[in-house]
Amino acid sequence: MTQRGKLIIAIALVLLLGFCKHEKGAKESSRVETETPSECQKLIDEILAPTVITENTVVFLLLSKLEYDLHPVPVQAELGEVIDDFASYRYEAVKKFTKYGIKDVSTISKNLIFKYSDGREEKLYFDTYKRIVAMALFGKGKKPKIIYDPMQEYGMLKAISEYFEINIKENK
């Protein structure tokens, strides 16, 4: 992860934690916290928690609701369209590539651990500063690959076909 990406995430988390603390009334803020984690903390934990990916998997990497909410409202409308399109294309692509024994995972986690069948692990980071959606591809015995271009169903299937060395037809 780049220094700039780390800085952006750190600033966003600081802002979010400040927002989460202000969610509670002034009366509540003086008592010791013994309740379950706030919704904000749960989202932060989910974003930072590593997701373990096994071989023969396509991972759809998504912007979290929290990250979406940190953008200005005018930008959110554009992001919403990209995310909705990506979800629609993903749905159609999954119906086609799972027929080849390839698993499908969707996550907002930024920390990915790719676990090879021999026990080796490789860590990659999904940098939402580059793009708001992406695909990670992990085939048996192959190095994992993240593709940052949000693409239509055809582009997804083309990338998956090339990486996994199979021939998925769009109209199949």
Protein backbone atom coordinates (compact mmCIF):
# COMPACT_ATOMS: atom_id res chain seq x y z
CA MET A 1 0.00 0.00 0.00
CA THR A 2 1.29 3.45 -0.82
CA GLN A 3 2.02 6.04 1.84
CA ARG A 4 -0.71 8.23 0.37
CA GLY A 5 -3.23 5.38 0.62
CA LYS A 6 -2.28 4.69 4.24
CA LEU A 7 -2.60 8.38 5.06
CA ILE A 8 -6.05 8.61 3.48
CA ILE A 9 -7.29 5.55 5.37
CA ALA A 10 -5.84 6.85 8.64
CA ILE A 11 -7.53 10.23 8.19
CA ALA A 12 -10.84 8.59 7.27
CA LEU A 13 -10.72 6.33 10.34
CA VAL A 14 -9.88 9.25 12.63
CA LEU A 15 -12.79 11.24 11.21
CA LEU A 16 -15.07 8.24 11.55
CA LEU A 17 -14.06 7.52 15.12
CA GLY A 18 -14.70 11.17 15.96
CA PHE A 19 -18.13 10.90 14.32
CA CYS A 20 -18.89 7.69 16.20
CA LYS A 21 -18.04 9.30 19.55
CA HIS A 22 -20.38 12.18 18.78
CA GLU A 23 -23.24 9.76 18.05
CA LYS A 24 -23.76 9.33 21.78
CA GLY A 25 -25.35 11.97 23.91
CA ALA A 26 -23.14 14.13 26.12
CA LYS A 27 -24.59 12.40 29.17
CA GLU A 28 -23.48 8.98 27.92
CA SER A 29 -19.96 10.03 26.92
CA SER A 30 -18.80 10.42 30.53
CA ARG A 31 -19.46 6.82 31.53
CA VAL A 32 -17.12 3.90 30.92
CA GLU A 33 -17.89 2.04 27.71
CA THR A 34 -18.99 -1.52 28.52
CA GLU A 35 -21.51 -2.05 25.72
CA THR A 36 -20.94 -3.90 22.49
CA PRO A 37 -18.93 -2.04 19.83
CA SER A 38 -20.75 0.71 17.96
CA GLU A 39 -21.91 0.18 14.39
CA CYS A 40 -19.05 2.42 13.26
CA GLN A 41 -16.48 0.29 15.08
CA LYS A 42 -17.97 -2.88 13.59
CA LEU A 43 -17.59 -1.40 10.10
CA ILE A 44 -14.00 -0.36 10.78
CA ASP A 45 -13.20 -3.85 12.06
CA GLU A 46 -14.75 -5.44 8.97
CA ILE A 47 -12.79 -3.17 6.63
CA LEU A 48 -9.47 -3.86 8.37
CA ALA A 49 -9.96 -7.56 9.13
CA PRO A 50 -8.10 -9.78 6.70
CA THR A 51 -10.14 -11.96 4.36
CA VAL A 52 -8.60 -15.34 3.62
CA ILE A 53 -9.04 -16.44 0.01
CA THR A 54 -8.45 -20.01 -1.16
CA GLU A 55 -7.39 -21.06 -4.65
CA ASN A 56 -9.82 -21.00 -7.59
CA THR A 57 -11.68 -17.94 -6.40
CA VAL A 58 -12.78 -14.65 -7.91
CA VAL A 59 -13.06 -11.95 -5.27
CA PHE A 60 -15.22 -8.90 -5.87
CA LEU A 61 -13.78 -6.02 -3.88
CA LEU A 62 -16.23 -3.33 -2.91
CA LEU A 63 -16.25 0.05 -1.28
CA SER A 64 -17.83 -0.15 2.17
CA LYS A 65 -20.85 1.91 3.19
CA LEU A 66 -18.58 3.77 5.56
CA GLU A 67 -16.12 4.70 2.80
CA TYR A 68 -19.03 5.67 0.56
CA ASP A 69 -20.47 7.94 3.27
CA LEU A 70 -17.15 9.77 3.65
CA HIS A 71 -17.50 11.18 0.12
CA PRO A 72 -19.42 14.42 -0.55
CA VAL A 73 -23.09 13.90 -1.49
CA PRO A 74 -22.65 14.89 -5.17
CA VAL A 75 -19.85 12.31 -5.52
CA GLN A 76 -21.96 9.65 -3.76
CA ALA A 77 -24.49 9.70 -6.62
CA GLU A 78 -21.77 8.89 -9.14
CA LEU A 79 -20.24 6.24 -6.87
CA GLY A 80 -23.66 4.69 -6.37
CA GLU A 81 -24.08 4.24 -10.12
CA VAL A 82 -20.66 2.61 -10.47
CA ILE A 83 -21.31 0.29 -7.52
CA ASP A 84 -24.80 -0.67 -8.78
CA ASP A 85 -23.46 -1.41 -12.27
CA PHE A 86 -20.58 -3.44 -10.84
CA ALA A 87 -23.01 -5.48 -8.70
CA SER A 88 -25.24 -6.16 -11.70
CA TYR A 89 -22.32 -7.24 -13.91
CA ARG A 90 -20.93 -9.34 -11.06
CA TYR A 91 -24.25 -11.15 -10.64
CA GLU A 92 -24.36 -12.11 -14.33
CA ALA A 93 -20.67 -13.11 -14.44
CA VAL A 94 -20.94 -15.31 -11.33
CA LYS A 95 -23.72 -17.36 -12.95
CA LYS A 96 -21.29 -18.19 -15.76
CA PHE A 97 -17.92 -18.77 -14.09
CA THR A 98 -19.11 -20.86 -11.12
CA LYS A 99 -20.01 -23.57 -13.65
CA TYR A 100 -16.24 -24.06 -14.03
CA GLY A 101 -15.69 -24.76 -10.32
CA ILE A 102 -14.51 -21.24 -9.56
CA LYS A 103 -15.76 -19.81 -6.27
CA ASP A 104 -17.18 -16.32 -5.77
CA VAL A 105 -16.44 -14.07 -2.80
CA SER A 106 -17.47 -10.44 -2.21
CA THR A 107 -15.84 -8.35 0.50
CA ILE A 108 -15.26 -4.83 1.74
CA SER A 109 -12.09 -5.96 3.52
CA LYS A 110 -8.97 -4.19 2.30
CA ASN A 111 -6.55 -6.84 3.56
CA LEU A 112 -6.56 -10.01 1.51
CA ILE A 113 -4.64 -13.15 2.37
CA PHE A 114 -4.39 -15.62 -0.50
CA LYS A 115 -3.77 -19.10 0.87
CA TYR A 116 -2.19 -21.66 -1.45
CA SER A 117 -3.09 -25.33 -1.06
CA ASP A 118 0.48 -26.04 0.15
CA GLY A 119 -0.02 -23.61 3.07
CA ARG A 120 1.90 -20.63 1.66
CA GLU A 121 0.22 -17.25 1.97
CA GLU A 122 0.46 -14.06 -0.01
CA LYS A 123 -0.97 -10.77 1.20
CA LEU A 124 -2.36 -8.06 -1.05
CA TYR A 125 -4.09 -4.83 -0.21
CA PHE A 126 -7.19 -3.50 -2.01
CA ASP A 127 -6.44 0.20 -2.43
CA THR A 128 -9.75 2.07 -2.76
CA TYR A 129 -7.77 5.18 -3.58
CA LYS A 130 -7.03 3.60 -6.99
CA ARG A 131 -10.64 2.56 -7.69
CA ILE A 132 -13.81 1.97 -5.72
CA VAL A 133 -14.40 -1.55 -7.02
CA ALA A 134 -12.06 -4.27 -8.26
CA MET A 135 -11.69 -8.00 -8.83
CA ALA A 136 -9.04 -10.27 -7.38
CA LEU A 137 -8.30 -13.51 -9.19
CA PHE A 138 -6.62 -16.48 -7.49
CA GLY A 139 -6.13 -19.74 -9.38
CA LYS A 140 -4.52 -22.98 -8.28
CA GLY A 141 -0.75 -22.51 -8.25
CA LYS A 142 -1.02 -18.99 -9.73
CA LYS A 143 0.00 -15.67 -8.28
CA PRO A 144 -3.08 -13.66 -7.19
CA LYS A 145 -3.95 -10.64 -9.28
CA ILE A 146 -6.07 -7.57 -8.54
CA ILE A 147 -7.76 -5.84 -11.47
CA TYR A 148 -8.75 -2.28 -10.59
CA ASP A 149 -10.82 -1.34 -13.60
CA PRO A 150 -14.55 -1.53 -12.97
CA MET A 151 -15.74 -3.40 -16.00
CA GLN A 152 -18.85 -4.64 -17.65
CA GLU A 153 -19.75 -8.32 -17.65
CA TYR A 154 -17.82 -8.91 -20.89
CA GLY A 155 -14.62 -7.46 -19.41
CA MET A 156 -15.02 -9.47 -16.22
CA LEU A 157 -15.52 -12.71 -18.14
CA LYS A 158 -12.61 -11.93 -20.45
CA ALA A 159 -10.24 -11.30 -17.51
CA ILE A 160 -11.45 -14.43 -15.69
CA SER A 161 -11.14 -16.56 -18.86
CA GLU A 162 -7.61 -15.36 -19.53
CA TYR A 163 -6.39 -15.72 -15.94
CA PHE A 164 -7.92 -19.17 -15.35
CA GLU A 165 -7.16 -20.31 -18.93
CA ILE A 166 -10.76 -21.30 -19.67
CA ASN A 167 -13.19 -20.12 -22.30
CA ILE A 168 -16.27 -18.60 -20.66
CA LYS A 169 -18.80 -17.47 -23.19
CA GLU A 170 -20.76 -14.29 -22.41
CA ASN A 171 -24.04 -15.69 -23.70
CA LYS A 172 -23.65 -19.08 -22.03
